Protein backbone atom coordinates (compact mmCIF):
# COMPACT_ATOMS: atom_id res chain seq x y z
CA UNK A 1 11.43 24.99 -25.10
CA UNK A 2 13.41 22.43 -22.70
CA UNK A 3 13.88 23.27 -19.32
CA UNK A 4 15.67 21.25 -16.41
CA UNK A 5 14.88 22.16 -12.83
CA UNK A 6 17.19 20.94 -10.22
CA UNK A 7 14.28 20.37 -7.84
CA UNK A 8 14.51 20.71 -3.49
CA UNK A 9 15.30 17.79 -1.52
CA UNK A 10 12.66 18.46 1.09
CA UNK A 11 9.03 16.83 0.54
CA UNK A 12 7.25 20.10 1.09
CA UNK A 13 9.75 22.32 -0.74
CA UNK A 14 9.42 19.77 -3.96
CA UNK A 15 5.46 20.20 -3.80
CA UNK A 16 5.77 23.82 -3.18
CA UNK A 17 7.82 23.96 -6.36
CA UNK A 18 5.06 22.99 -8.28
CA UNK A 19 4.06 26.80 -8.15
CA UNK A 20 6.87 27.35 -10.55
CA UNK A 21 6.35 24.67 -12.97
CA UNK A 22 2.91 25.97 -13.31
CA UNK A 23 4.09 29.15 -13.98
CA UNK A 24 6.80 28.15 -16.31
CA UNK A 25 3.61 26.23 -18.51
CA UNK A 26 1.54 29.37 -18.58
CA UNK A 27 4.39 31.59 -19.91
CA UNK A 28 5.56 28.83 -22.41
CA UNK A 29 2.61 25.88 -23.26
CA UNK A 30 4.89 23.90 -25.11
CA UNK A 31 7.55 23.76 -23.06
CA UNK A 32 9.16 20.39 -21.78
CA UNK A 33 10.28 20.57 -17.95
CA UNK A 34 12.10 17.90 -16.47
CA UNK A 35 13.31 17.71 -12.64
CA UNK A 36 16.42 16.62 -11.41
CA UNK A 37 15.66 15.55 -7.76
CA UNK A 38 16.18 12.21 -5.38
CA UNK A 39 14.58 9.21 -6.33
CA UNK A 40 11.54 9.42 -3.48
CA UNK A 41 10.55 12.62 -5.24
CA UNK A 42 9.39 10.70 -8.63
CA UNK A 43 6.02 9.64 -7.59
CA UNK A 44 5.32 13.18 -6.22
CA UNK A 45 6.58 14.49 -9.68
CA UNK A 46 4.61 12.15 -11.52
CA UNK A 47 1.51 13.56 -10.01
CA UNK A 48 2.30 17.07 -11.48
CA UNK A 49 0.98 17.36 -14.81
CA UNK A 50 3.23 20.12 -15.47
CA UNK A 51 6.37 17.63 -15.16
CA UNK A 52 7.18 16.00 -18.62
CA UNK A 53 10.24 13.62 -16.84
CA UNK A 54 11.75 13.04 -13.49
CA UNK A 55 15.38 12.28 -13.51
CA UNK A 56 16.82 10.74 -10.43
CA UNK A 57 19.44 12.72 -8.88
CA UNK A 58 21.83 9.73 -7.43
CA UNK A 59 24.20 11.80 -5.46
CA UNK A 60 22.91 11.91 -2.11
CA UNK A 61 21.67 15.20 0.08
CA UNK A 62 25.03 17.72 1.18
CA UNK A 63 27.08 14.94 -0.49
CA UNK A 64 29.51 17.16 -2.73
CA UNK A 65 31.28 14.41 -5.43
CA UNK A 66 32.35 16.87 -7.84
CA UNK A 67 33.41 14.12 -10.36
CA UNK A 68 29.96 12.60 -9.96
CA UNK A 69 28.35 15.85 -10.49
CA UNK A 70 30.33 16.29 -13.81
CA UNK A 71 29.21 12.97 -14.97
CA UNK A 72 25.88 13.72 -14.45
CA UNK A 73 26.22 17.28 -16.41
CA UNK A 74 28.00 15.64 -19.13
CA UNK A 75 25.26 13.21 -20.17
CA UNK A 76 22.73 15.42 -19.97
CA UNK A 77 24.12 17.73 -22.88
CA UNK A 78 22.81 15.34 -25.52
CA UNK A 79 18.74 16.62 -24.00
CA UNK A 80 19.57 20.39 -25.38
CA UNK A 81 17.99 22.19 -22.59
CA UNK A 82 17.29 25.77 -23.38
CA UNK A 83 17.04 26.93 -19.67
CA UNK A 84 17.94 25.56 -15.89
CA UNK A 85 16.41 26.86 -12.85
CA UNK A 86 18.13 25.72 -9.86
CA UNK A 87 16.08 25.72 -6.90
CA UNK A 88 18.72 24.91 -4.05
CA UNK A 89 20.65 27.99 -2.87
CA UNK A 90 24.10 25.96 -2.18
CA UNK A 91 26.68 26.28 -5.36
CA UNK A 92 27.23 22.67 -5.60
CA UNK A 93 23.52 22.27 -6.83
CA UNK A 94 24.61 24.64 -9.77
CA UNK A 95 27.10 22.81 -10.81
CA UNK A 96 25.13 20.07 -12.87
CA UNK A 97 23.47 22.70 -15.16
CA UNK A 98 26.82 24.25 -15.73
CA UNK A 99 28.55 21.24 -16.40
CA UNK A 100 25.55 20.21 -19.04
CA UNK A 101 26.39 23.55 -20.67
CA UNK A 102 22.94 24.88 -20.24
CA UNK A 103 23.06 28.47 -21.77
CA UNK A 104 20.86 29.82 -19.43
CA UNK A 105 20.85 29.20 -15.72
CA UNK A 106 18.92 30.93 -13.24
CA UNK A 107 18.50 30.93 -9.61
CA UNK A 108 19.14 33.05 -6.43
CA UNK A 109 22.42 34.28 -5.26
CA UNK A 110 22.73 31.93 -2.15
CA UNK A 111 26.29 30.94 -1.59
CA UNK A 112 28.29 32.22 -3.96
CA UNK A 113 27.52 30.96 -7.56
CA UNK A 114 28.96 33.52 -9.40
CA UNK A 115 30.20 32.06 -12.69
CA UNK A 116 27.51 29.14 -12.30
CA UNK A 117 24.72 31.11 -12.96
CA UNK A 118 23.92 33.28 -15.83
CA UNK A 119 20.84 34.60 -15.00
CA UNK A 120 21.60 35.49 -11.40
CA UNK A 121 18.83 37.01 -8.72
CA UNK A 122 19.71 38.96 -5.88
CA UNK A 123 16.50 40.81 -4.33
CA UNK A 124 15.20 37.14 -2.43
CA UNK A 125 14.27 39.36 0.60
CA UNK A 126 11.97 41.41 -1.54
CA UNK A 127 9.88 38.14 -1.82
CA UNK A 128 8.32 36.98 1.42
CA UNK A 129 6.92 33.59 0.55
CA UNK A 130 8.47 30.38 -0.61
CA UNK A 131 6.33 29.98 -3.21
CA UNK A 132 6.76 34.11 -4.67
CA UNK A 133 10.96 33.30 -4.77
CA UNK A 134 10.21 30.04 -6.98
CA UNK A 135 7.54 31.70 -9.25
CA UNK A 136 9.51 34.97 -9.37
CA UNK A 137 12.02 32.69 -11.34
CA UNK A 138 9.94 32.21 -14.16
CA UNK A 139 9.72 35.90 -15.14
CA UNK A 140 12.81 38.44 -16.46
CA UNK A 141 14.57 39.47 -13.85
CA UNK A 142 14.08 43.54 -14.94
CA UNK A 143 10.36 42.85 -14.08
CA UNK A 144 10.60 40.76 -10.55
CA UNK A 145 10.89 43.89 -8.39
CA UNK A 146 9.28 42.21 -5.76
CA UNK A 147 6.02 40.37 -4.41
CA UNK A 148 3.81 43.24 -5.83
CA UNK A 149 5.18 42.44 -9.55
CA UNK A 150 3.92 38.78 -9.56
CA UNK A 151 0.81 37.67 -11.05
CA UNK A 152 -1.87 35.50 -9.16
CA UNK A 153 0.14 32.44 -7.84
CA UNK A 154 -0.78 29.28 -9.12
CA UNK A 155 -1.07 26.67 -6.10
CA UNK A 156 0.51 23.22 -5.68
CA UNK A 157 -2.43 20.84 -6.91
CA UNK A 158 -1.31 16.97 -6.98
CA UNK A 159 -3.08 14.61 -9.02
CA UNK A 160 -5.34 11.69 -6.90
CA UNK A 161 -5.29 8.47 -8.49
CA UNK A 162 -8.52 7.29 -7.28
CA UNK A 163 -7.82 3.75 -8.06
CA UNK A 164 -4.73 3.64 -6.27
CA UNK A 165 -6.42 5.36 -3.26
CA UNK A 166 -8.69 2.43 -3.11
CA UNK A 167 -6.28 -0.26 -3.32
CA UNK A 168 -4.41 1.29 -0.51
CA UNK A 169 -7.75 1.56 1.52
CA UNK A 170 -8.28 -2.06 1.20
CA UNK A 171 -4.73 -3.43 1.94
CA UNK A 172 -4.91 -1.74 5.12
CA UNK A 173 -8.64 -2.39 5.95
CA UNK A 174 -9.67 1.21 5.71
CA UNK A 175 -13.02 2.66 4.86
CA UNK A 176 -15.01 5.88 4.71
CA UNK A 177 -17.92 4.90 6.85
CA UNK A 178 -17.02 7.64 9.34
CA UNK A 179 -15.44 11.14 8.27
CA UNK A 180 -11.88 10.85 8.23
CA UNK A 181 -9.57 13.09 10.09
CA UNK A 182 -5.72 12.99 9.34
CA UNK A 183 -3.62 13.68 11.80
CA UNK A 184 0.52 14.06 10.91
CA UNK A 185 2.96 14.25 14.10
CA UNK A 186 5.83 14.14 12.65
CA UNK A 187 8.30 16.43 11.47
CA UNK A 188 11.48 15.51 9.97
CA UNK A 189 12.90 18.97 10.96
CA UNK A 190 13.73 18.01 14.75
CA UNK A 191 11.67 18.19 17.97
CA UNK A 192 11.09 22.35 18.04
CA UNK A 193 8.30 21.62 15.01
CA UNK A 194 6.81 18.61 17.01
CA UNK A 195 3.66 19.15 18.84
CA UNK A 196 3.08 16.89 22.16
CA UNK A 197 1.62 13.33 21.06
CA UNK A 198 -0.48 13.58 23.82
CA UNK A 199 -2.18 16.55 22.29
CA UNK A 200 -2.55 15.19 19.34
CA UNK A 201 -4.39 11.61 21.79
CA UNK A 202 -6.63 14.72 22.69
CA UNK A 203 -7.53 15.83 19.43
CA UNK A 204 -8.08 12.24 18.26
CA UNK A 205 -10.06 11.35 21.14
CA UNK A 206 -12.64 14.17 20.69
CA UNK A 207 -12.80 13.40 16.77
CA UNK A 208 -13.75 9.76 17.76
CA UNK A 209 -16.40 10.89 20.43
CA UNK A 210 -17.90 13.02 17.72
CA UNK A 211 -18.44 10.45 15.20
CA UNK A 212 -15.65 10.62 12.85
CA UNK A 213 -12.40 8.12 12.65
CA UNK A 214 -8.66 9.13 12.87
CA UNK A 215 -5.78 8.00 10.67
CA UNK A 216 -2.22 8.78 11.78
CA UNK A 217 0.41 9.47 8.95
CA UNK A 218 4.24 9.40 9.41
CA UNK A 219 7.16 7.62 8.38
CA UNK A 220 8.53 4.57 9.96
CA UNK A 221 10.34 6.89 12.50
CA UNK A 222 7.04 8.42 13.62
CA UNK A 223 5.88 4.71 14.78
CA UNK A 224 6.95 5.83 18.20
CA UNK A 225 4.62 8.51 18.25
CA UNK A 226 1.70 7.34 16.35
CA UNK A 227 1.68 4.30 18.49
CA UNK A 228 1.52 6.41 21.72
CA UNK A 229 -0.88 8.48 20.68
CA UNK A 230 -3.21 5.50 19.59
CA UNK A 231 -2.43 3.93 22.86
CA UNK A 232 -3.56 6.95 24.94
CA UNK A 233 -6.93 6.84 23.69
CA UNK A 234 -9.67 4.68 25.71
CA UNK A 235 -9.88 1.09 24.51
CA UNK A 236 -13.80 1.25 23.40
CA UNK A 237 -12.11 4.11 21.03
CA UNK A 238 -8.96 2.66 19.76
CA UNK A 239 -11.23 0.31 16.79
CA UNK A 240 -11.66 4.21 15.05
CA UNK A 241 -7.94 5.09 14.73
CA UNK A 242 -5.71 3.81 12.41
CA UNK A 243 -1.54 3.70 12.69
CA UNK A 244 -0.53 3.92 8.99
CA UNK A 245 3.19 5.23 9.86
CA UNK A 246 5.27 3.44 8.33
CA UNK A 247 2.50 1.36 6.67
CA UNK A 248 2.16 3.43 3.21
CA UNK A 249 4.72 4.75 0.59
CA UNK A 250 4.81 8.35 0.42
CA UNK A 251 2.68 8.21 -3.11
CA UNK A 252 -0.14 5.77 -0.84
CA UNK A 253 0.01 8.72 1.59
CA UNK A 254 -0.95 11.32 -1.15
CA UNK A 255 -3.71 9.29 -2.38
CA UNK A 256 -5.04 8.36 1.36
CA UNK A 257 -4.62 12.01 2.57
CA UNK A 258 -6.99 12.68 -0.22
CA UNK A 259 -9.63 10.87 1.21
CA UNK A 260 -9.64 12.90 4.74
CA UNK A 261 -12.17 15.27 5.60
CA UNK A 262 -9.71 17.56 7.56
CA UNK A 263 -5.61 16.93 8.13
CA UNK A 264 -3.96 18.32 11.54
CA UNK A 265 -0.10 18.60 10.86
CA UNK A 266 3.08 20.00 12.09
CA UNK A 267 4.60 22.38 9.83
CA UNK A 268 5.95 19.35 7.71
CA UNK A 269 6.22 18.03 4.51
CA UNK A 270 2.88 15.79 4.78
CA UNK A 271 1.29 19.19 5.89
CA UNK A 272 1.82 20.65 2.39
CA UNK A 273 0.72 17.50 0.49
CA UNK A 274 -2.39 17.85 2.45
CA UNK A 275 -3.24 21.22 1.05
CA UNK A 276 -2.24 20.05 -2.44
CA UNK A 277 -4.77 17.78 -2.42
CA UNK A 278 -7.57 19.55 -1.49
CA UNK A 279 -7.71 18.86 2.21
CA UNK A 280 -8.93 21.08 5.03
CA UNK A 281 -5.47 21.99 6.76
CA UNK A 282 -5.17 22.80 10.28
CA UNK A 283 -1.42 23.72 10.96
CA UNK A 284 0.74 23.49 13.96
CA UNK A 285 3.73 25.95 14.05
CA UNK A 286 6.15 25.80 16.57
CA UNK A 287 9.71 27.19 16.27
CA UNK A 288 8.65 27.92 12.58
CA UNK A 289 6.72 30.34 10.71
CA UNK A 290 3.54 30.47 8.24
CA UNK A 291 4.63 33.90 6.93
CA UNK A 292 7.31 32.03 4.64
CA UNK A 293 5.95 28.58 4.08
CA UNK A 294 2.40 28.74 4.65
CA UNK A 295 -0.32 25.27 3.70
CA UNK A 296 -1.94 26.53 0.53
CA UNK A 297 -4.81 25.10 1.09
CA UNK A 298 -8.51 26.84 0.35
CA UNK A 299 -9.75 26.28 3.99
CA UNK A 300 -6.79 26.69 6.31
CA UNK A 301 -6.38 27.53 9.89
CA UNK A 302 -3.21 28.13 11.21
CA UNK A 303 -2.16 27.93 15.42
CA UNK A 304 0.57 29.15 17.26
CA UNK A 305 1.77 30.76 20.44
CA UNK A 306 2.72 34.19 20.55
CA UNK A 307 5.59 33.48 23.18
CA UNK A 308 8.29 35.98 22.75
CA UNK A 309 11.20 33.59 21.64
CA UNK A 310 9.39 32.21 18.62
CA UNK A 311 9.85 31.69 15.70
CA UNK A 312 13.61 31.13 16.23
CA UNK A 313 13.76 28.35 13.50
CA UNK A 314 16.01 25.77 15.44
CA UNK A 315 15.65 22.27 15.44
CA UNK A 316 15.62 21.83 19.15
CA UNK A 317 14.42 24.19 21.70
CA UNK A 318 17.22 26.59 22.63
CA UNK A 319 16.01 26.88 26.16
CA UNK A 320 15.04 23.35 26.79
CA UNK A 321 11.34 24.24 27.66
CA UNK A 322 9.39 23.88 23.98
CA UNK A 323 7.17 26.48 25.60
CA UNK A 324 6.00 27.51 21.91
CA UNK A 325 4.33 23.80 21.50
CA UNK A 326 3.43 23.02 24.94
CA UNK A 327 1.63 26.30 25.83
CA UNK A 328 -0.59 25.27 22.87
CA UNK A 329 -3.53 23.30 23.92
CA UNK A 330 -5.46 20.69 22.31
CA UNK A 331 -8.59 22.52 22.61
CA UNK A 332 -7.43 25.49 20.21
CA UNK A 333 -6.75 23.09 17.67
CA UNK A 334 -10.33 21.23 18.53
CA UNK A 335 -11.87 24.77 17.95
CA UNK A 336 -9.97 25.36 14.59
CA UNK A 337 -11.16 22.11 13.33
CA UNK A 338 -14.63 22.61 14.19
CA UNK A 339 -14.47 26.15 12.65
CA UNK A 340 -13.12 24.74 9.56
CA UNK A 341 -16.06 22.37 9.59
CA UNK A 342 -19.08 24.15 10.81
CA UNK A 343 -20.98 25.53 7.98
CA UNK A 344 -21.01 29.34 8.28
CA UNK A 345 -24.12 31.42 8.48
CA UNK A 346 -25.13 34.63 7.66
């Protein structure tokens, strides 16, 4: 059986989509699963043993480009795919499998996709978690009446390359002499997901004072935030805080996160990566909710405020006060780290 997946465009969603690939391999052990996704996804997909091949999607996220999608679909006809799974909800995301003449095309109703999908699912609300919605697609529609109908869900588990990890640590002059606390203070979604950098700095200071070291993760866009966190530390502690924002590739970040003892993260793609490489995770939620996309780690602590206006799922605070984040003190996150790392006694 040959399967084509139209993959998501966000890091966290791509990590969580591994649950579908695992479910498909459990049902069809000999299946070949190819994933069409943006170029940045390739390294992540290569760390998923269920994926046979990562295919680059040359059309940008949000771009319609009907002619381009037709050309891609036509070029895929020769692969002889038996079934396609379309994970994004947009109508345009279903065009390529349609043009590729893949006989069975499975996905949620989303935008009007009648005719584009042959196996259209309409009861998305009966599955609360994103991974439930992904995994439900792996099973016959008649059987998927709701979350209770799903078998035990697999969790994302990215392969870690120890050689690549050691190489990245050497290049960045990192060591494991002290336990590593990873901090991920960025969030592509928007400021309503970003816990204040001053609070991250308080966490960093406490961890270093406890004999640990801190690695700051993020993209080049996050450099002003990570620089502010490091500069807020007392001068004598800054040597134990390593600012890696913009200094690593995404796949290097995957391997370096795996070297962390515990990771503190906003609700972001790196939060899901941290969970998928086996870290303890302290997840901070502002405008969003863990009820839909929680970190799928074995050991996880989720912290958020209970103010009445959250979760609003907005990129920016509609009221301009960001209380869902500002009213969450550093001490609560520090306590969550301690609770995860302190051995429990009977």
